[in-house]
Amino acid sequence: QSAHRAGLRSFIRYGWRWSWRVAAFVTIFNTVSTGLSVYRNKTRSGFVFFLAFTGALFRMHLGLQGLAGGFVFGTAFGIPAGSLLMIMQKLAGETLQEKRNRERRELYEQKLAEWQSRLSVTEVLGQTESNAQGGLETERARE
């Protein structure tokens, strides 16, 4: 039981030490990845570049050696991550860019159909109103 408690204490201690590092790394990666994807308007799998850049930024405070080490570390993890994502997209039959374009096109077509249906309702109401006004004018003329 004491060994279990000691293991739990060390897990909490070292888990805290690594948790903020992992959170910082993931935050930098997501910021770089999202920023470059939005800037280039492409969601290509540039994981090697994104992770290499993130690793370099994460270790930049250690100097040039840290920058190079972070770049190598990011590249080493970016190659399998990018490869896995590309394989998954091939199995799915659709890339992320194609999926985003398809969803955007479907949303546009849906909004266009809604707009046209509202426009046709407005035209019908306009005709009904003009018919009602025309009926009132003929009734006044009869009086």
Protein backbone atom coordinates (compact mmCIF):
# COMPACT_ATOMS: atom_id res chain seq x y z
CA GLN A 1 0.00 0.00 0.00
CA SER A 2 2.85 2.40 0.78
CA ALA A 3 4.46 1.57 -2.59
CA HIS A 4 1.16 2.36 -4.27
CA ARG A 5 0.95 5.71 -2.48
CA ALA A 6 4.55 6.54 -3.38
CA GLY A 7 3.86 5.70 -7.01
CA LEU A 8 0.74 7.84 -6.99
CA ARG A 9 2.61 10.77 -5.41
CA SER A 10 5.39 10.59 -7.98
CA PHE A 11 2.84 10.28 -10.79
CA ILE A 12 1.13 13.44 -9.59
CA ARG A 13 4.46 15.25 -9.14
CA TYR A 14 5.90 14.32 -12.54
CA GLY A 15 2.53 14.46 -14.21
CA TRP A 16 2.26 18.10 -13.20
CA ARG A 17 5.77 18.76 -14.51
CA TRP A 18 4.96 17.28 -17.88
CA SER A 19 1.35 18.38 -18.20
CA TRP A 20 2.08 22.07 -18.68
CA ARG A 21 4.83 21.21 -21.18
CA VAL A 22 2.53 19.02 -23.23
CA ALA A 23 -0.23 21.64 -23.02
CA ALA A 24 2.17 24.36 -24.20
CA PHE A 25 3.43 22.18 -27.06
CA VAL A 26 -0.10 21.33 -28.20
CA THR A 27 -1.18 24.97 -27.96
CA ILE A 28 1.76 26.13 -30.06
CA PHE A 29 1.16 23.35 -32.60
CA ASN A 30 -2.54 24.15 -32.95
CA THR A 31 -1.84 27.86 -33.26
CA VAL A 32 0.79 27.35 -35.96
CA SER A 33 -1.26 24.72 -37.79
CA THR A 34 -4.50 26.71 -37.74
CA GLY A 35 -2.80 30.00 -38.55
CA LEU A 36 -0.96 28.65 -41.58
CA SER A 37 -4.01 26.71 -42.78
CA VAL A 38 -6.15 29.84 -42.63
CA TYR A 39 -3.45 31.97 -44.25
CA ARG A 40 -2.90 29.52 -47.11
CA ASN A 41 -6.59 28.46 -47.24
CA LYS A 42 -5.49 24.84 -47.42
CA THR A 43 -5.77 22.04 -44.91
CA ARG A 44 -3.03 19.95 -46.41
CA SER A 45 -1.16 17.66 -44.14
CA GLY A 46 1.90 19.77 -43.39
CA PHE A 47 2.38 18.02 -40.09
CA VAL A 48 6.11 17.61 -40.60
CA PHE A 49 6.55 21.34 -41.04
CA PHE A 50 4.03 22.27 -38.34
CA LEU A 51 5.55 19.97 -35.73
CA ALA A 52 9.12 20.88 -36.68
CA PHE A 53 8.31 24.57 -36.36
CA THR A 54 6.48 23.98 -33.09
CA GLY A 55 9.36 21.95 -31.66
CA ALA A 56 11.80 24.69 -32.65
CA LEU A 57 9.63 27.38 -31.03
CA PHE A 58 9.15 25.29 -27.92
CA ARG A 59 12.90 24.84 -27.40
CA MET A 60 13.97 28.26 -28.65
CA HIS A 61 14.78 29.50 -25.14
CA LEU A 62 17.63 26.95 -24.96
CA GLY A 63 19.57 28.65 -27.74
CA LEU A 64 20.60 27.42 -31.13
CA GLN A 65 21.12 23.84 -29.97
CA GLY A 66 17.65 23.78 -28.42
CA LEU A 67 16.20 25.24 -31.60
CA ALA A 68 17.83 22.54 -33.72
CA GLY A 69 16.90 19.80 -31.25
CA GLY A 70 13.27 20.93 -31.19
CA PHE A 71 13.23 21.01 -34.97
CA VAL A 72 14.54 17.44 -35.16
CA PHE A 73 12.13 16.29 -32.44
CA GLY A 74 9.17 17.87 -34.23
CA THR A 75 10.21 16.38 -37.56
CA ALA A 76 10.59 12.94 -36.00
CA PHE A 77 7.02 13.07 -34.70
CA GLY A 78 5.60 14.90 -37.71
CA ILE A 79 6.49 12.24 -40.27
CA PRO A 80 4.46 9.41 -38.66
CA ALA A 81 1.60 11.77 -37.69
CA GLY A 82 1.33 13.16 -41.24
CA SER A 83 1.62 9.71 -42.77
CA LEU A 84 -1.10 8.35 -40.50
CA LEU A 85 -3.41 11.24 -41.37
CA MET A 86 -2.84 10.78 -45.10
CA ILE A 87 -3.53 7.05 -44.83
CA MET A 88 -6.73 7.71 -42.88
CA GLN A 89 -7.87 10.21 -45.51
CA LYS A 90 -7.16 7.72 -48.30
CA LEU A 91 -9.23 5.10 -46.48
CA ALA A 92 -12.06 7.59 -45.97
CA GLY A 93 -12.00 8.47 -49.67
CA GLU A 94 -12.08 12.21 -49.04
CA THR A 95 -9.45 14.70 -47.88
CA LEU A 96 -10.15 17.34 -45.26
CA GLN A 97 -10.06 20.06 -47.94
CA GLU A 98 -12.58 18.20 -50.12
CA LYS A 99 -14.83 17.59 -47.12
CA ARG A 100 -14.73 21.26 -46.12
CA ASN A 101 -15.48 22.39 -49.68
CA ARG A 102 -18.34 19.89 -49.99
CA GLU A 103 -19.90 20.98 -46.68
CA ARG A 104 -19.52 24.65 -47.64
CA ARG A 105 -21.19 24.01 -51.01
CA GLU A 106 -24.05 22.06 -49.40
CA LEU A 107 -24.62 24.86 -46.88
CA TYR A 108 -24.64 27.45 -49.66
CA GLU A 109 -27.15 25.42 -51.69
CA GLN A 110 -29.37 24.98 -48.62
CA LYS A 111 -29.34 28.72 -47.86
CA LEU A 112 -30.01 29.52 -51.51
CA ALA A 113 -33.02 27.18 -51.54
CA GLU A 114 -34.34 28.77 -48.32
CA TRP A 115 -33.87 32.25 -49.76
CA GLN A 116 -35.68 31.33 -52.98
CA SER A 117 -38.58 29.78 -51.05
CA ARG A 118 -38.90 32.93 -48.92
CA LEU A 119 -38.77 35.04 -52.06
CA SER A 120 -41.58 33.04 -53.65
CA VAL A 121 -43.69 33.44 -50.48
CA THR A 122 -43.08 37.19 -50.62
CA GLU A 123 -44.20 37.29 -54.26
CA VAL A 124 -47.38 35.35 -53.43
CA LEU A 125 -48.14 37.71 -50.54
CA GLY A 126 -47.56 40.70 -52.83
CA GLN A 127 -50.01 39.32 -55.39
CA THR A 128 -52.57 38.56 -52.69
CA GLU A 129 -52.24 42.07 -51.29
CA SER A 130 -52.58 43.70 -54.72
CA ASN A 131 -55.66 41.55 -55.40
CA ALA A 132 -57.16 42.59 -52.08
CA GLN A 133 -56.52 46.27 -52.78
CA GLY A 134 -57.94 45.90 -56.28
CA GLY A 135 -61.08 44.34 -54.79
CA LEU A 136 -61.51 47.24 -52.35
CA GLU A 137 -61.13 49.78 -55.17
CA THR A 138 -63.80 48.08 -57.33
CA GLU A 139 -66.10 47.91 -54.29
CA ARG A 140 -65.66 51.66 -53.67
CA ALA A 141 -66.29 52.36 -57.33
CA ARG A 142 -69.59 50.47 -57.13
CA GLU A 143 -70.75 52.58 -54.21
